[in-house]
Amino acid sequence: MRFVTIVLDSGGIGALPDFTQYGDANGANTIGNVARSVGGLALPAFERLGLGHLTSVEGVAAVPDPRARVARLREKSRGKDTITGHWEMAGIVTAVPFPTYPEGFPPEVVEEFTRIVGKPPLGNVPASGTEIIEELGAEHIATGRPILYTSADSVFQVAAHEEVIPLATLYDWCERARAMLVEPHNVNRVIARPFVGEPGAFARTPNRRDYAIEPPPSVLDTLAQRGVGVHAVGKICDIYCGHGIASSVRVTDNRDAMEKTFELLERVEHGFIFTNLNDFDSKYGHRRNVRGYASALEALDALVPRLESLLRPDDHVIFTADHGCDPTAPGSDHTREFVPFVHLSAQPGAVIGELEGLDNVGRTVLEAFGA
């Protein structure tokens, strides 16, 4: 038996009741608002599975007999970011939020990072990653000073041009920054953000690396202890610091992530395949690219029949998300939203309603493996 969980990174389906506590504007609904803004989405596979029962998605009907078991999951953790969402899927609830830095990092953090790098960083502000490299990229090239920035999430992000700072050096800086960021500055991720190009035409590369805070024991560890191989696709291995993971592959984009998932299904006889589709968040959600988000949803939908063709009668698939990032919302930050739970298996489909906790994902995986 194989169990596949595919995370549409940022694929939220409506604002949670506590959205005002996270600085969100009213009405966030990543998938629903994308569909409305483009005049409807063509998602025949997700329509058949039952997505239309979870929120109003223009172009996607609420079919009478959905093929999958579908529900809306309400996050229990305090946060709206990659770590809190993914950790909760694996049974780790974050009760105390990780620190954030709306005014930039304090002097003691910047001074320690300066000692690591050998020169003071540029920036040290909350910013969109694409915007700050356009703003400071030329100065970075001229001085060799890394660009340090954060966001509404608990992240310490370091951007550097690949022809100015070798990747190995950037990764070393970020690994050492991860080690220095302890309480009270225990941000949940340090992210290396390499880019290339010239002023006015900079572009981030696929060589990003995430250095997450070490997680407590999770569903992945339980599966590994029971002899179930966990195969990570995309940034999953980084999110869990490799805990419980038997194999991991990096990807260039959503399509590559799905191709890697298909390859695993063709050779893995028994195990858990955990895939993150990061383009939804990094390329379209944060950049407020509504049309790009819509096209990415339709491209994924077109691959669902191929995924189904590789499944055996006892296999399972869950499509879900870790948070929202509504490209129609103001700003460039994540949005605090319900996420979909679309569970395809040999069981009859059903509309379940609303469930408390993203840990329903991990619980369903454990139950399927008899844990």
Foldseek 3Di string as FASTA:
>chain_A
DEEEEEAAAFQFAWADPVQVVLVFDPTFGAQQVLQVVVVHFCQVQVLLQQPCVEHPRHPRHRDPFRQWAKEWEAAPAPDFDDLQLVQQQFPDHHPDAADDDQAFDDPVLQVVLCVLVVHGAPDRHADQPVVVCLVCVVVCQVPVHWHWHGHSALETETEHECVSAPPVSLVVSQVVSCVVQDPPRNRFWYKYWYWYDDRVDIDTFLSMAIAGDADDDGLLLVCLVVVAAEEEEARVCNSNVNHNHDYYDHAGAQVRQVVVVLVCLVPPPGHYYYTYGCCLQNVDLLVLNSVVNSVVSNVVSVCVVVVVVSDDQLYKYWYKHRFHRRSVTPHRDTGHRTMMTRMRHNDTYDHDYYDYTSNVNSVVVCVSVVD
